[in-house]
Amino acid sequence: MTSAGFYHYYCGITAQPNDEDQYEDFGDFDIHLNLVQRELNEKEPKRQPHLETNYFHEDWLEIVLRFRVSFRDGSEDINRFIDLVTESLESHLNITIVDFDIENII
């Protein structure tokens, strides 16, 4: 826990595009991912979500998610935010999330 009373969650997300021809290249996908990040920041500014493409291939994606959690937040709050992230990614990017792992909490 930081001195400010927050934890940072680091998550790995593995996904498959529903349409392999949807994104021309990494740059095209990254633009759309940044739009999802902006939307999440507008909906949940206190979480300070950050999305980053870790690996891009036409049939496989790896995304890194970092977000902030207050020590006062309960597991329901955290799960609700994770659900919001997965719904936003799947609907806006037209992908299917195959795996979502919380890799580290600092």
N, C-alpha and C. Protein backbone atom coordinates (compact mmCIF):
# COMPACT_ATOMS: atom_id res chain seq x y z
N MET A 1 0.85 -1.17 0.00
CA MET A 1 0.00 0.00 0.00
C MET A 1 0.89 1.23 0.00
N THR A 2 0.54 2.20 -0.81
CA THR A 2 1.29 3.44 -0.83
C THR A 2 0.90 4.29 0.36
N SER A 3 1.67 5.31 0.61
CA SER A 3 1.38 6.17 1.75
C SER A 3 0.07 6.94 1.56
N ALA A 4 -0.38 7.08 0.32
CA ALA A 4 -1.63 7.79 0.05
C ALA A 4 -2.85 6.90 0.25
N GLY A 5 -2.65 5.63 0.57
CA GLY A 5 -3.78 4.74 0.83
C GLY A 5 -4.33 4.06 -0.40
N PHE A 6 -3.48 3.88 -1.42
CA PHE A 6 -3.93 3.25 -2.65
C PHE A 6 -3.05 2.07 -3.02
N TYR A 7 -3.66 1.10 -3.66
CA TYR A 7 -2.96 -0.01 -4.28
C TYR A 7 -3.04 0.19 -5.79
N HIS A 8 -2.10 -0.39 -6.52
CA HIS A 8 -2.19 -0.43 -7.97
C HIS A 8 -2.27 -1.90 -8.39
N TYR A 9 -3.30 -2.20 -9.15
CA TYR A 9 -3.49 -3.54 -9.70
C TYR A 9 -2.88 -3.57 -11.10
N TYR A 10 -2.15 -4.64 -11.40
CA TYR A 10 -1.59 -4.86 -12.72
C TYR A 10 -2.19 -6.16 -13.25
N CYS A 11 -2.85 -6.06 -14.40
CA CYS A 11 -3.58 -7.21 -14.94
C CYS A 11 -3.13 -7.50 -16.37
N GLY A 12 -3.11 -8.77 -16.70
CA GLY A 12 -2.84 -9.21 -18.06
C GLY A 12 -4.12 -9.74 -18.68
N ILE A 13 -4.41 -9.26 -19.88
CA ILE A 13 -5.63 -9.66 -20.58
C ILE A 13 -5.23 -10.27 -21.92
N THR A 14 -5.68 -11.47 -22.17
CA THR A 14 -5.47 -12.14 -23.45
C THR A 14 -6.80 -12.20 -24.16
N ALA A 15 -6.79 -11.83 -25.45
CA ALA A 15 -8.06 -11.78 -26.19
C ALA A 15 -7.85 -12.18 -27.65
N GLN A 16 -8.97 -12.49 -28.27
CA GLN A 16 -8.98 -12.80 -29.70
C GLN A 16 -9.94 -11.84 -30.39
N PRO A 17 -9.51 -11.24 -31.51
CA PRO A 17 -10.43 -10.40 -32.28
C PRO A 17 -11.54 -11.26 -32.88
N ASN A 18 -12.75 -10.74 -32.89
CA ASN A 18 -13.87 -11.47 -33.51
C ASN A 18 -13.83 -11.35 -35.03
N ASP A 19 -13.12 -10.35 -35.53
CA ASP A 19 -12.94 -10.16 -36.97
C ASP A 19 -11.46 -9.90 -37.20
N GLU A 20 -10.76 -10.87 -37.78
CA GLU A 20 -9.31 -10.76 -37.95
C GLU A 20 -8.91 -9.61 -38.86
N ASP A 21 -9.81 -9.14 -39.71
CA ASP A 21 -9.49 -8.05 -40.63
C ASP A 21 -9.91 -6.69 -40.10
N GLN A 22 -10.38 -6.64 -38.87
CA GLN A 22 -10.91 -5.41 -38.30
C GLN A 22 -9.84 -4.33 -38.13
N TYR A 23 -8.65 -4.72 -37.69
CA TYR A 23 -7.58 -3.76 -37.45
C TYR A 23 -6.46 -3.98 -38.46
N GLU A 24 -6.04 -2.89 -39.09
CA GLU A 24 -5.01 -2.99 -40.12
C GLU A 24 -3.66 -3.36 -39.53
N ASP A 25 -3.34 -2.76 -38.37
CA ASP A 25 -2.05 -3.00 -37.76
C ASP A 25 -2.10 -2.62 -36.28
N PHE A 26 -0.96 -2.72 -35.65
CA PHE A 26 -0.85 -2.40 -34.22
C PHE A 26 -1.31 -0.97 -33.94
N GLY A 27 -0.89 -0.02 -34.78
CA GLY A 27 -1.25 1.38 -34.57
C GLY A 27 -2.75 1.61 -34.61
N ASP A 28 -3.41 0.96 -35.53
CA ASP A 28 -4.87 1.08 -35.66
C ASP A 28 -5.55 0.54 -34.40
N PHE A 29 -5.11 -0.62 -33.93
CA PHE A 29 -5.68 -1.20 -32.72
C PHE A 29 -5.41 -0.30 -31.51
N ASP A 30 -4.20 0.22 -31.42
CA ASP A 30 -3.82 1.04 -30.28
C ASP A 30 -4.65 2.32 -30.19
N ILE A 31 -5.01 2.89 -31.32
CA ILE A 31 -5.89 4.07 -31.34
C ILE A 31 -7.23 3.73 -30.68
N HIS A 32 -7.79 2.60 -31.07
CA HIS A 32 -9.08 2.18 -30.51
C HIS A 32 -8.96 1.85 -29.01
N LEU A 33 -7.85 1.25 -28.63
CA LEU A 33 -7.62 0.93 -27.22
C LEU A 33 -7.53 2.22 -26.39
N ASN A 34 -6.89 3.24 -26.94
CA ASN A 34 -6.80 4.53 -26.24
C ASN A 34 -8.17 5.17 -26.07
N LEU A 35 -9.05 4.99 -27.04
CA LEU A 35 -10.42 5.51 -26.91
C LEU A 35 -11.16 4.82 -25.77
N VAL A 36 -10.96 3.52 -25.63
CA VAL A 36 -11.58 2.78 -24.52
C VAL A 36 -11.01 3.30 -23.19
N GLN A 37 -9.71 3.53 -23.15
CA GLN A 37 -9.10 4.05 -21.92
C GLN A 37 -9.68 5.40 -21.55
N ARG A 38 -9.86 6.28 -22.53
CA ARG A 38 -10.47 7.60 -22.25
C ARG A 38 -11.87 7.46 -21.67
N GLU A 39 -12.65 6.55 -22.26
CA GLU A 39 -14.01 6.34 -21.77
C GLU A 39 -14.00 5.82 -20.33
N LEU A 40 -13.10 4.89 -20.04
CA LEU A 40 -12.99 4.37 -18.67
C LEU A 40 -12.57 5.47 -17.70
N ASN A 41 -11.66 6.34 -18.14
CA ASN A 41 -11.23 7.46 -17.29
C ASN A 41 -12.37 8.42 -17.01
N GLU A 42 -13.27 8.59 -17.98
CA GLU A 42 -14.43 9.46 -17.77
C GLU A 42 -15.43 8.82 -16.80
N LYS A 43 -15.62 7.51 -16.92
CA LYS A 43 -16.58 6.81 -16.06
C LYS A 43 -16.05 6.58 -14.65
N GLU A 44 -14.77 6.31 -14.53
CA GLU A 44 -14.15 5.96 -13.24
C GLU A 44 -12.82 6.71 -13.06
N PRO A 45 -12.86 8.04 -12.96
CA PRO A 45 -11.61 8.80 -12.88
C PRO A 45 -10.75 8.45 -11.66
N LYS A 46 -11.37 8.05 -10.56
CA LYS A 46 -10.58 7.73 -9.36
C LYS A 46 -9.73 6.47 -9.54
N ARG A 47 -10.10 5.63 -10.48
CA ARG A 47 -9.34 4.39 -10.73
C ARG A 47 -8.08 4.63 -11.56
N GLN A 48 -8.03 5.74 -12.29
CA GLN A 48 -6.91 6.08 -13.16
C GLN A 48 -6.49 4.89 -14.04
N PRO A 49 -7.42 4.32 -14.80
CA PRO A 49 -7.08 3.15 -15.60
C PRO A 49 -6.10 3.48 -16.72
N HIS A 50 -5.21 2.54 -16.96
CA HIS A 50 -4.25 2.67 -18.05
C HIS A 50 -4.23 1.35 -18.81
N LEU A 51 -4.47 1.42 -20.11
CA LEU A 51 -4.46 0.25 -20.98
C LEU A 51 -3.29 0.36 -21.95
N GLU A 52 -2.62 -0.75 -22.16
CA GLU A 52 -1.47 -0.76 -23.06
C GLU A 52 -1.45 -2.08 -23.82
N THR A 53 -1.15 -2.00 -25.11
CA THR A 53 -1.03 -3.21 -25.92
C THR A 53 0.33 -3.83 -25.66
N ASN A 54 0.34 -5.05 -25.22
CA ASN A 54 1.59 -5.76 -24.95
C ASN A 54 2.01 -6.61 -26.16
N TYR A 55 1.02 -7.15 -26.87
CA TYR A 55 1.29 -7.99 -28.04
C TYR A 55 0.10 -7.86 -28.98
N PHE A 56 0.40 -7.71 -30.27
CA PHE A 56 -0.66 -7.60 -31.26
C PHE A 56 -0.38 -8.53 -32.43
N HIS A 57 -1.35 -9.35 -32.74
CA HIS A 57 -1.33 -10.18 -33.94
C HIS A 57 -2.76 -10.23 -34.43
N GLU A 58 -2.96 -10.48 -35.69
CA GLU A 58 -4.32 -10.42 -36.23
C GLU A 58 -5.29 -11.40 -35.56
N ASP A 59 -4.77 -12.46 -34.95
CA ASP A 59 -5.67 -13.40 -34.29
C ASP A 59 -5.40 -13.57 -32.79
N TRP A 60 -4.55 -12.69 -32.21
CA TRP A 60 -4.23 -12.82 -30.79
C TRP A 60 -3.76 -11.47 -30.25
N LEU A 61 -4.25 -11.09 -29.07
CA LEU A 61 -3.89 -9.81 -28.46
C LEU A 61 -3.55 -10.01 -27.00
N GLU A 62 -2.61 -9.22 -26.52
CA GLU A 62 -2.33 -9.17 -25.09
C GLU A 62 -2.35 -7.71 -24.67
N ILE A 63 -3.14 -7.43 -23.65
CA ILE A 63 -3.33 -6.07 -23.16
C ILE A 63 -2.95 -6.03 -21.69
N VAL A 64 -2.28 -4.97 -21.29
CA VAL A 64 -1.94 -4.76 -19.88
C VAL A 64 -2.87 -3.68 -19.34
N LEU A 65 -3.46 -3.95 -18.19
CA LEU A 65 -4.33 -2.99 -17.51
C LEU A 65 -3.73 -2.66 -16.16
N ARG A 66 -3.63 -1.37 -15.88
CA ARG A 66 -3.22 -0.92 -14.55
C ARG A 66 -4.32 0.00 -14.03
N PHE A 67 -4.71 -0.19 -12.78
CA PHE A 67 -5.69 0.72 -12.19
C PHE A 67 -5.46 0.85 -10.69
N ARG A 68 -6.01 1.91 -10.14
CA ARG A 68 -5.80 2.26 -8.74
C ARG A 68 -7.02 1.86 -7.92
N VAL A 69 -6.75 1.38 -6.71
CA VAL A 69 -7.80 0.97 -5.79
C VAL A 69 -7.49 1.55 -4.41
N SER A 70 -8.48 2.12 -3.79
CA SER A 70 -8.32 2.63 -2.43
C SER A 70 -8.35 1.47 -1.45
N PHE A 71 -7.63 1.61 -0.35
CA PHE A 71 -7.66 0.54 0.66
C PHE A 71 -9.06 0.39 1.25
N ARG A 72 -9.93 1.36 1.02
CA ARG A 72 -11.31 1.29 1.52
C ARG A 72 -12.24 0.54 0.57
N ASP A 73 -11.80 0.34 -0.67
CA ASP A 73 -12.64 -0.36 -1.64
C ASP A 73 -12.76 -1.83 -1.27
N GLY A 74 -13.96 -2.36 -1.41
CA GLY A 74 -14.17 -3.77 -1.16
C GLY A 74 -14.03 -4.58 -2.44
N SER A 75 -14.10 -5.88 -2.30
CA SER A 75 -13.96 -6.75 -3.47
C SER A 75 -15.08 -6.52 -4.48
N GLU A 76 -16.27 -6.15 -4.01
CA GLU A 76 -17.38 -5.87 -4.94
C GLU A 76 -17.05 -4.68 -5.83
N ASP A 77 -16.43 -3.64 -5.27
CA ASP A 77 -16.04 -2.46 -6.05
C ASP A 77 -15.01 -2.83 -7.11
N ILE A 78 -14.05 -3.63 -6.72
CA ILE A 78 -12.99 -4.04 -7.64
C ILE A 78 -13.57 -4.92 -8.74
N ASN A 79 -14.41 -5.88 -8.38
CA ASN A 79 -15.02 -6.76 -9.38
C ASN A 79 -15.93 -5.99 -10.33
N ARG A 80 -16.64 -5.00 -9.82
CA ARG A 80 -17.51 -4.19 -10.67
C ARG A 80 -16.67 -3.42 -11.70
N PHE A 81 -15.53 -2.88 -11.27
CA PHE A 81 -14.68 -2.16 -12.21
C PHE A 81 -14.08 -3.11 -13.25
N ILE A 82 -13.64 -4.28 -12.82
CA ILE A 82 -13.10 -5.26 -13.77
C ILE A 82 -14.17 -5.66 -14.78
N ASP A 83 -15.41 -5.84 -14.33
CA ASP A 83 -16.51 -6.14 -15.25
C ASP A 83 -16.72 -5.00 -16.25
N LEU A 84 -16.64 -3.76 -15.77
CA LEU A 84 -16.78 -2.60 -16.66
C LEU A 84 -15.68 -2.60 -17.72
N VAL A 85 -14.46 -2.89 -17.31
CA VAL A 85 -13.33 -2.93 -18.25
C VAL A 85 -13.55 -4.02 -19.30
N THR A 86 -13.89 -5.23 -18.87
CA THR A 86 -14.06 -6.32 -19.83
C THR A 86 -15.22 -6.05 -20.78
N GLU A 87 -16.33 -5.51 -20.27
CA GLU A 87 -17.46 -5.18 -21.14
C GLU A 87 -17.07 -4.10 -22.15
N SER A 88 -16.34 -3.10 -21.70
CA SER A 88 -15.92 -2.02 -22.59
C SER A 88 -14.98 -2.53 -23.67
N LEU A 89 -14.01 -3.34 -23.28
CA LEU A 89 -13.07 -3.89 -24.26
C LEU A 89 -13.79 -4.76 -25.28
N GLU A 90 -14.64 -5.67 -24.80
CA GLU A 90 -15.32 -6.58 -25.72
C GLU A 90 -16.27 -5.86 -26.66
N SER A 91 -17.00 -4.89 -26.16
CA SER A 91 -17.99 -4.22 -27.01
C SER A 91 -17.36 -3.20 -27.96
N HIS A 92 -16.41 -2.41 -27.47
CA HIS A 92 -15.83 -1.36 -28.31
C HIS A 92 -14.76 -1.87 -29.27
N LEU A 93 -14.06 -2.91 -28.89
CA LEU A 93 -12.98 -3.42 -29.73
C LEU A 93 -13.38 -4.66 -30.51
N ASN A 94 -14.57 -5.18 -30.25
CA ASN A 94 -15.05 -6.39 -30.93
C ASN A 94 -14.07 -7.55 -30.74
N ILE A 95 -13.74 -7.80 -29.47
CA ILE A 95 -12.83 -8.89 -29.12
C ILE A 95 -13.51 -9.81 -28.11
N THR A 96 -12.98 -11.01 -27.99
CA THR A 96 -13.42 -11.95 -26.96
C THR A 96 -12.26 -12.15 -25.99
N ILE A 97 -12.49 -11.86 -24.73
CA ILE A 97 -11.45 -12.03 -23.73
C ILE A 97 -11.35 -13.51 -23.37
N VAL A 98 -10.16 -14.05 -23.53
CA VAL A 98 -9.90 -15.46 -23.28
C VAL A 98 -9.38 -15.67 -21.86
N ASP A 99 -8.59 -14.71 -21.38
CA ASP A 99 -7.97 -14.85 -20.06
C ASP A 99 -7.78 -13.47 -19.44
N PHE A 100 -8.09 -13.34 -18.16
CA PHE A 100 -7.91 -12.10 -17.42
C PHE A 100 -7.24 -12.46 -16.10
N ASP A 101 -6.00 -12.03 -15.92
CA ASP A 101 -5.24 -12.37 -14.71
C ASP A 101 -4.83 -11.12 -13.96
N ILE A 102 -5.04 -11.13 -12.65
CA ILE A 102 -4.45 -10.10 -11.80
C ILE A 102 -3.04 -10.59 -11.51
N GLU A 103 -2.05 -9.91 -12.10
CA GLU A 103 -0.68 -10.38 -12.03
C GLU A 103 0.09 -9.83 -10.84
N ASN A 104 -0.29 -8.63 -10.39
CA ASN A 104 0.44 -8.03 -9.28
C ASN A 104 -0.41 -6.96 -8.62
N ILE A 105 -0.21 -6.78 -7.34
CA ILE A 105 -0.85 -5.70 -6.58
C ILE A 105 0.26 -5.03 -5.78
N ILE A 106 0.42 -3.74 -6.03
CA ILE A 106 1.50 -3.00 -5.36
C ILE A 106 0.90 -1.84 -4.60
